Amino acid sequence: VDYKLNALKNELLVATNHCFLVIDRAGGGKTNLLCELASEQSKINPSLIFFGKDNFQQSDSIIKKIENIICETISVSEIDPVMYFDQILNSQNMFLNIFFDGINENRKIPEFDLALSYFLEW
């Protein structure tokens, strides 16, 4: 039990330092805010935005989607495209911004929760 509590504590600490949550009523401008933020951040660092209706049913589906985008964006002949992309980012002192919008719009919350947890641990 202590191990699981410590693991959860560490995961929450990482998430707190690297994540933020926007909550507002329907029509309150959350999507516009995130799209504008992603657009502005993309001028500084590469940025991705995913939407709640995206299909994230497997534990590694967010990671696989990121890998697919990397492979489509840059020519990668490496075995691990994410590691290759990470090396490029590190060499330029950059990082990848990832935004999730409309999490509550996902109809398969348990699967999305698993995929998001797996992604945050990754």
N, C-alpha and C. Protein backbone atom coordinates (compact mmCIF):
# COMPACT_ATOMS: atom_id res chain seq x y z
N VAL A 1 0.82 -1.19 0.00
CA VAL A 1 0.00 0.00 0.00
C VAL A 1 0.87 1.26 0.00
N ASP A 2 1.93 1.26 0.83
CA ASP A 2 2.81 2.43 0.87
C ASP A 2 3.45 2.70 -0.48
N TYR A 3 3.84 1.61 -1.19
CA TYR A 3 4.45 1.78 -2.50
C TYR A 3 3.48 2.46 -3.46
N LYS A 4 2.23 2.01 -3.46
CA LYS A 4 1.23 2.60 -4.36
C LYS A 4 0.95 4.05 -3.99
N LEU A 5 0.90 4.34 -2.69
CA LEU A 5 0.68 5.72 -2.26
C LEU A 5 1.84 6.62 -2.66
N ASN A 6 3.07 6.12 -2.50
CA ASN A 6 4.24 6.91 -2.90
C ASN A 6 4.27 7.12 -4.41
N ALA A 7 3.91 6.08 -5.17
CA ALA A 7 3.88 6.21 -6.63
C ALA A 7 2.83 7.23 -7.04
N LEU A 8 1.66 7.19 -6.41
CA LEU A 8 0.61 8.16 -6.71
C LEU A 8 1.05 9.57 -6.33
N LYS A 9 1.69 9.69 -5.19
CA LYS A 9 2.19 11.00 -4.74
C LYS A 9 3.19 11.56 -5.75
N ASN A 10 4.11 10.73 -6.22
CA ASN A 10 5.10 11.17 -7.21
C ASN A 10 4.44 11.56 -8.52
N GLU A 11 3.44 10.78 -8.94
CA GLU A 11 2.73 11.08 -10.19
C GLU A 11 2.00 12.41 -10.08
N LEU A 12 1.35 12.64 -8.95
CA LEU A 12 0.64 13.91 -8.75
C LEU A 12 1.61 15.09 -8.69
N LEU A 13 2.77 14.88 -8.09
CA LEU A 13 3.77 15.95 -8.03
C LEU A 13 4.24 16.33 -9.43
N VAL A 14 4.53 15.33 -10.25
CA VAL A 14 4.94 15.60 -11.63
C VAL A 14 3.82 16.31 -12.38
N ALA A 15 2.60 15.82 -12.23
CA ALA A 15 1.46 16.43 -12.93
C ALA A 15 1.24 17.86 -12.47
N THR A 16 1.40 18.12 -11.19
CA THR A 16 1.21 19.47 -10.66
C THR A 16 2.22 20.43 -11.27
N ASN A 17 3.43 19.98 -11.46
CA ASN A 17 4.47 20.85 -11.99
C ASN A 17 4.39 21.05 -13.50
N HIS A 18 3.66 20.19 -14.20
CA HIS A 18 3.66 20.25 -15.65
C HIS A 18 2.27 20.32 -16.28
N CYS A 19 1.24 20.37 -15.47
CA CYS A 19 -0.12 20.36 -15.99
C CYS A 19 -0.95 21.49 -15.39
N PHE A 20 -1.95 21.89 -16.12
CA PHE A 20 -2.93 22.81 -15.56
C PHE A 20 -4.30 22.42 -16.09
N LEU A 21 -5.32 22.81 -15.38
CA LEU A 21 -6.68 22.43 -15.70
C LEU A 21 -7.53 23.69 -15.80
N VAL A 22 -8.32 23.77 -16.86
CA VAL A 22 -9.23 24.89 -17.05
C VAL A 22 -10.66 24.35 -16.92
N ILE A 23 -11.41 24.92 -15.99
CA ILE A 23 -12.79 24.50 -15.76
C ILE A 23 -13.69 25.71 -15.93
N ASP A 24 -14.76 25.54 -16.71
CA ASP A 24 -15.74 26.61 -16.89
C ASP A 24 -17.02 25.97 -17.43
N ARG A 25 -18.06 26.73 -17.49
CA ARG A 25 -19.34 26.25 -18.01
C ARG A 25 -19.23 26.00 -19.51
N ALA A 26 -20.18 25.27 -20.05
CA ALA A 26 -20.25 25.06 -21.50
C ALA A 26 -20.38 26.41 -22.19
N GLY A 27 -19.61 26.62 -23.24
CA GLY A 27 -19.66 27.88 -23.97
C GLY A 27 -18.85 28.98 -23.32
N GLY A 28 -18.07 28.64 -22.31
CA GLY A 28 -17.29 29.64 -21.58
C GLY A 28 -16.00 30.05 -22.25
N GLY A 29 -15.63 29.41 -23.36
CA GLY A 29 -14.44 29.80 -24.09
C GLY A 29 -13.20 28.96 -23.80
N LYS A 30 -13.38 27.80 -23.17
CA LYS A 30 -12.24 26.95 -22.84
C LYS A 30 -11.49 26.49 -24.09
N THR A 31 -12.23 26.02 -25.09
CA THR A 31 -11.60 25.55 -26.32
C THR A 31 -10.87 26.69 -27.02
N ASN A 32 -11.49 27.85 -27.11
CA ASN A 32 -10.83 29.01 -27.72
C ASN A 32 -9.56 29.36 -26.97
N LEU A 33 -9.62 29.33 -25.64
CA LEU A 33 -8.44 29.62 -24.83
C LEU A 33 -7.32 28.64 -25.11
N LEU A 34 -7.63 27.34 -25.10
CA LEU A 34 -6.59 26.34 -25.34
C LEU A 34 -6.04 26.41 -26.76
N CYS A 35 -6.91 26.65 -27.74
CA CYS A 35 -6.44 26.78 -29.13
C CYS A 35 -5.52 27.99 -29.28
N GLU A 36 -5.90 29.10 -28.67
CA GLU A 36 -5.06 30.31 -28.72
C GLU A 36 -3.73 30.06 -28.01
N LEU A 37 -3.80 29.42 -26.85
CA LEU A 37 -2.58 29.11 -26.10
C LEU A 37 -1.68 28.16 -26.90
N ALA A 38 -2.26 27.14 -27.49
CA ALA A 38 -1.48 26.20 -28.31
C ALA A 38 -0.86 26.92 -29.51
N SER A 39 -1.62 27.81 -30.13
CA SER A 39 -1.11 28.57 -31.27
C SER A 39 0.07 29.45 -30.86
N GLU A 40 -0.08 30.15 -29.76
CA GLU A 40 1.00 31.02 -29.28
C GLU A 40 2.22 30.20 -28.86
N GLN A 41 1.99 29.11 -28.16
CA GLN A 41 3.10 28.27 -27.71
C GLN A 41 3.82 27.62 -28.88
N SER A 42 3.09 27.34 -29.96
CA SER A 42 3.73 26.70 -31.12
C SER A 42 4.75 27.61 -31.80
N LYS A 43 4.70 28.90 -31.50
CA LYS A 43 5.72 29.82 -32.01
C LYS A 43 7.03 29.67 -31.25
N ILE A 44 6.96 29.07 -30.07
CA ILE A 44 8.13 28.91 -29.21
C ILE A 44 8.60 27.46 -29.18
N ASN A 45 7.67 26.55 -29.00
CA ASN A 45 7.95 25.12 -28.91
C ASN A 45 6.89 24.36 -29.71
N PRO A 46 7.24 23.18 -30.22
CA PRO A 46 6.23 22.37 -30.91
C PRO A 46 5.06 22.11 -29.96
N SER A 47 3.86 22.13 -30.50
CA SER A 47 2.66 21.96 -29.68
C SER A 47 1.65 21.07 -30.38
N LEU A 48 0.98 20.24 -29.60
CA LEU A 48 -0.10 19.39 -30.09
C LEU A 48 -1.34 19.68 -29.27
N ILE A 49 -2.49 19.57 -29.90
CA ILE A 49 -3.74 19.67 -29.16
C ILE A 49 -4.61 18.48 -29.53
N PHE A 50 -5.09 17.80 -28.51
CA PHE A 50 -5.99 16.66 -28.68
C PHE A 50 -7.35 17.05 -28.11
N PHE A 51 -8.38 16.44 -28.65
CA PHE A 51 -9.73 16.76 -28.22
C PHE A 51 -10.37 15.55 -27.55
N GLY A 52 -11.29 15.82 -26.64
CA GLY A 52 -11.93 14.77 -25.85
C GLY A 52 -12.61 13.69 -26.68
N LYS A 53 -13.02 14.04 -27.87
CA LYS A 53 -13.69 13.06 -28.71
C LYS A 53 -12.70 12.16 -29.44
N ASP A 54 -11.39 12.46 -29.33
CA ASP A 54 -10.38 11.58 -29.93
C ASP A 54 -10.48 10.20 -29.28
N ASN A 55 -10.14 9.20 -30.04
CA ASN A 55 -10.29 7.82 -29.59
C ASN A 55 -9.02 7.35 -28.87
N PHE A 56 -9.06 7.33 -27.56
CA PHE A 56 -7.93 6.86 -26.76
C PHE A 56 -8.39 5.67 -25.93
N GLN A 57 -8.49 4.50 -26.56
CA GLN A 57 -9.04 3.34 -25.87
C GLN A 57 -7.98 2.42 -25.28
N GLN A 58 -6.77 2.45 -25.80
CA GLN A 58 -5.70 1.59 -25.29
C GLN A 58 -4.82 2.40 -24.34
N SER A 59 -4.13 1.71 -23.44
CA SER A 59 -3.30 2.43 -22.46
C SER A 59 -2.22 3.26 -23.14
N ASP A 60 -1.70 2.80 -24.27
CA ASP A 60 -0.63 3.53 -24.94
C ASP A 60 -1.12 4.35 -26.14
N SER A 61 -2.42 4.58 -26.25
CA SER A 61 -2.96 5.23 -27.44
C SER A 61 -2.53 6.69 -27.59
N ILE A 62 -2.36 7.42 -26.49
CA ILE A 62 -1.88 8.81 -26.60
C ILE A 62 -0.44 8.81 -27.10
N ILE A 63 0.37 7.93 -26.55
CA ILE A 63 1.77 7.84 -26.97
C ILE A 63 1.86 7.43 -28.44
N LYS A 64 1.05 6.46 -28.84
CA LYS A 64 1.05 6.03 -30.25
C LYS A 64 0.63 7.17 -31.17
N LYS A 65 -0.34 7.96 -30.75
CA LYS A 65 -0.78 9.09 -31.57
C LYS A 65 0.35 10.11 -31.72
N ILE A 66 1.07 10.38 -30.63
CA ILE A 66 2.22 11.29 -30.68
C ILE A 66 3.28 10.74 -31.61
N GLU A 67 3.57 9.44 -31.51
CA GLU A 67 4.55 8.81 -32.41
C GLU A 67 4.13 8.96 -33.86
N ASN A 68 2.86 8.73 -34.15
CA ASN A 68 2.36 8.86 -35.53
C ASN A 68 2.53 10.29 -36.05
N ILE A 69 2.21 11.26 -35.22
CA ILE A 69 2.36 12.66 -35.63
C ILE A 69 3.82 12.99 -35.89
N ILE A 70 4.70 12.52 -35.02
CA ILE A 70 6.14 12.75 -35.22
C ILE A 70 6.59 12.14 -36.54
N CYS A 71 6.20 10.89 -36.79
CA CYS A 71 6.61 10.21 -38.02
C CYS A 71 6.05 10.89 -39.27
N GLU A 72 4.85 11.46 -39.17
CA GLU A 72 4.26 12.18 -40.30
C GLU A 72 4.90 13.54 -40.52
N THR A 73 5.41 14.14 -39.44
CA THR A 73 5.93 15.50 -39.50
C THR A 73 7.39 15.55 -39.93
N ILE A 74 8.19 14.66 -39.38
CA ILE A 74 9.61 14.62 -39.74
C ILE A 74 9.95 13.23 -40.25
N SER A 75 10.92 13.17 -41.12
CA SER A 75 11.35 11.89 -41.65
C SER A 75 12.17 11.16 -40.60
N VAL A 76 11.60 10.10 -40.05
CA VAL A 76 12.26 9.37 -38.98
C VAL A 76 12.49 7.94 -39.42
N SER A 77 13.75 7.56 -39.47
CA SER A 77 14.08 6.17 -39.77
C SER A 77 14.52 5.44 -38.51
N GLU A 78 14.44 6.12 -37.39
CA GLU A 78 14.86 5.55 -36.11
C GLU A 78 13.83 4.54 -35.62
N ILE A 79 14.29 3.63 -34.77
CA ILE A 79 13.39 2.64 -34.17
C ILE A 79 12.44 3.32 -33.20
N ASP A 80 12.92 4.30 -32.46
CA ASP A 80 12.10 5.01 -31.48
C ASP A 80 11.97 6.47 -31.89
N PRO A 81 10.91 6.81 -32.64
CA PRO A 81 10.78 8.19 -33.14
C PRO A 81 10.65 9.22 -32.02
N VAL A 82 10.04 8.85 -30.90
CA VAL A 82 9.88 9.79 -29.80
C VAL A 82 11.23 10.13 -29.19
N MET A 83 12.08 9.13 -29.01
CA MET A 83 13.40 9.38 -28.46
C MET A 83 14.22 10.26 -29.42
N TYR A 84 14.11 9.99 -30.72
CA TYR A 84 14.80 10.80 -31.72
C TYR A 84 14.31 12.25 -31.67
N PHE A 85 12.99 12.43 -31.62
CA PHE A 85 12.40 13.76 -31.54
C PHE A 85 12.82 14.45 -30.25
N ASP A 86 12.85 13.71 -29.16
CA ASP A 86 13.28 14.25 -27.87
C ASP A 86 14.73 14.74 -27.94
N GLN A 87 15.57 14.01 -28.62
CA GLN A 87 16.97 14.44 -28.79
C GLN A 87 17.05 15.76 -29.57
N ILE A 88 16.23 15.87 -30.60
CA ILE A 88 16.19 17.12 -31.38
C ILE A 88 15.74 18.27 -30.48
N LEU A 89 14.67 18.05 -29.72
CA LEU A 89 14.18 19.10 -28.83
C LEU A 89 15.23 19.48 -27.79
N ASN A 90 15.85 18.49 -27.18
CA ASN A 90 16.87 18.78 -26.17
C ASN A 90 18.05 19.55 -26.75
N SER A 91 18.44 19.22 -27.96
CA SER A 91 19.58 19.91 -28.57
C SER A 91 19.27 21.38 -28.84
N GLN A 92 17.98 21.72 -28.94
CA GLN A 92 17.57 23.10 -29.19
C GLN A 92 16.96 23.74 -27.94
N ASN A 93 17.10 23.05 -26.80
CA ASN A 93 16.56 23.54 -25.53
C ASN A 93 15.06 23.84 -25.64
N MET A 94 14.34 22.90 -26.25
CA MET A 94 12.90 23.03 -26.46
C MET A 94 12.19 21.85 -25.81
N PHE A 95 10.88 21.94 -25.75
CA PHE A 95 10.07 20.82 -25.27
C PHE A 95 8.75 20.80 -26.04
N LEU A 96 8.04 19.71 -25.94
CA LEU A 96 6.77 19.54 -26.64
C LEU A 96 5.62 19.88 -25.70
N ASN A 97 4.78 20.83 -26.12
CA ASN A 97 3.56 21.16 -25.38
C ASN A 97 2.44 20.25 -25.89
N ILE A 98 1.68 19.69 -24.97
CA ILE A 98 0.54 18.86 -25.36
C ILE A 98 -0.67 19.36 -24.59
N PHE A 99 -1.72 19.69 -25.33
CA PHE A 99 -2.95 20.20 -24.74
C PHE A 99 -4.07 19.19 -24.99
N PHE A 100 -4.91 18.99 -23.98
CA PHE A 100 -6.10 18.14 -24.10
C PHE A 100 -7.31 19.03 -23.85
N ASP A 101 -8.23 19.04 -24.78
CA ASP A 101 -9.44 19.85 -24.63
C ASP A 101 -10.66 18.94 -24.59
N GLY A 102 -11.62 19.30 -23.78
CA GLY A 102 -12.89 18.58 -23.75
C GLY A 102 -12.80 17.17 -23.23
N ILE A 103 -12.02 16.98 -22.19
CA ILE A 103 -11.87 15.64 -21.62
C ILE A 103 -13.24 15.07 -21.25
N ASN A 104 -14.12 15.91 -20.76
CA ASN A 104 -15.45 15.44 -20.37
C ASN A 104 -16.31 15.01 -21.56
N GLU A 105 -15.88 15.31 -22.77
CA GLU A 105 -16.62 14.91 -23.96
C GLU A 105 -16.31 13.49 -24.39
N ASN A 106 -15.29 12.89 -23.78
CA ASN A 106 -14.93 11.52 -24.10
C ASN A 106 -15.95 10.58 -23.47
N ARG A 107 -16.53 9.71 -24.26
CA ARG A 107 -17.58 8.82 -23.78
C ARG A 107 -17.02 7.58 -23.08
N LYS A 108 -15.74 7.33 -23.24
CA LYS A 108 -15.13 6.15 -22.62
C LYS A 108 -14.12 6.61 -21.58
N ILE A 109 -14.65 7.20 -20.53
CA ILE A 109 -13.83 7.82 -19.49
C ILE A 109 -12.84 6.84 -18.86
N PRO A 110 -13.23 5.60 -18.50
CA PRO A 110 -12.23 4.70 -17.88
C PRO A 110 -11.04 4.42 -18.80
N GLU A 111 -11.31 4.23 -20.10
CA GLU A 111 -10.21 3.98 -21.04
C GLU A 111 -9.34 5.23 -21.22
N PHE A 112 -9.99 6.39 -21.30
CA PHE A 112 -9.25 7.63 -21.44
C PHE A 112 -8.42 7.90 -20.19
N ASP A 113 -8.98 7.62 -19.02
CA ASP A 113 -8.26 7.77 -17.76
C ASP A 113 -7.01 6.91 -17.75
N LEU A 114 -7.14 5.66 -18.20
CA LEU A 114 -5.99 4.76 -18.26
C LEU A 114 -4.94 5.29 -19.23
N ALA A 115 -5.37 5.73 -20.41
CA ALA A 115 -4.43 6.26 -21.41
C ALA A 115 -3.73 7.51 -20.90
N LEU A 116 -4.47 8.39 -20.23
CA LEU A 116 -3.89 9.62 -19.70
C LEU A 116 -2.91 9.32 -18.57
N SER A 117 -3.27 8.40 -17.69
CA SER A 117 -2.36 8.00 -16.60
C SER A 117 -1.08 7.40 -17.16
N TYR A 118 -1.23 6.53 -18.16
CA TYR A 118 -0.08 5.89 -18.79
C TYR A 118 0.82 6.95 -19.44
N PHE A 119 0.19 7.90 -20.10
CA PHE A 119 0.93 8.99 -20.75
C PHE A 119 1.69 9.82 -19.71
N LEU A 120 1.05 10.18 -18.61
CA LEU A 120 1.71 10.99 -17.58
C LEU A 120 2.87 10.26 -16.93
N GLU A 121 2.77 8.94 -16.80
CA GLU A 121 3.88 8.16 -16.25
C GLU A 121 5.02 8.04 -17.25
N TRP A 122 4.71 8.12 -18.53
CA TRP A 122 5.68 7.97 -19.61
C TRP A 122 6.61 9.13 -19.61
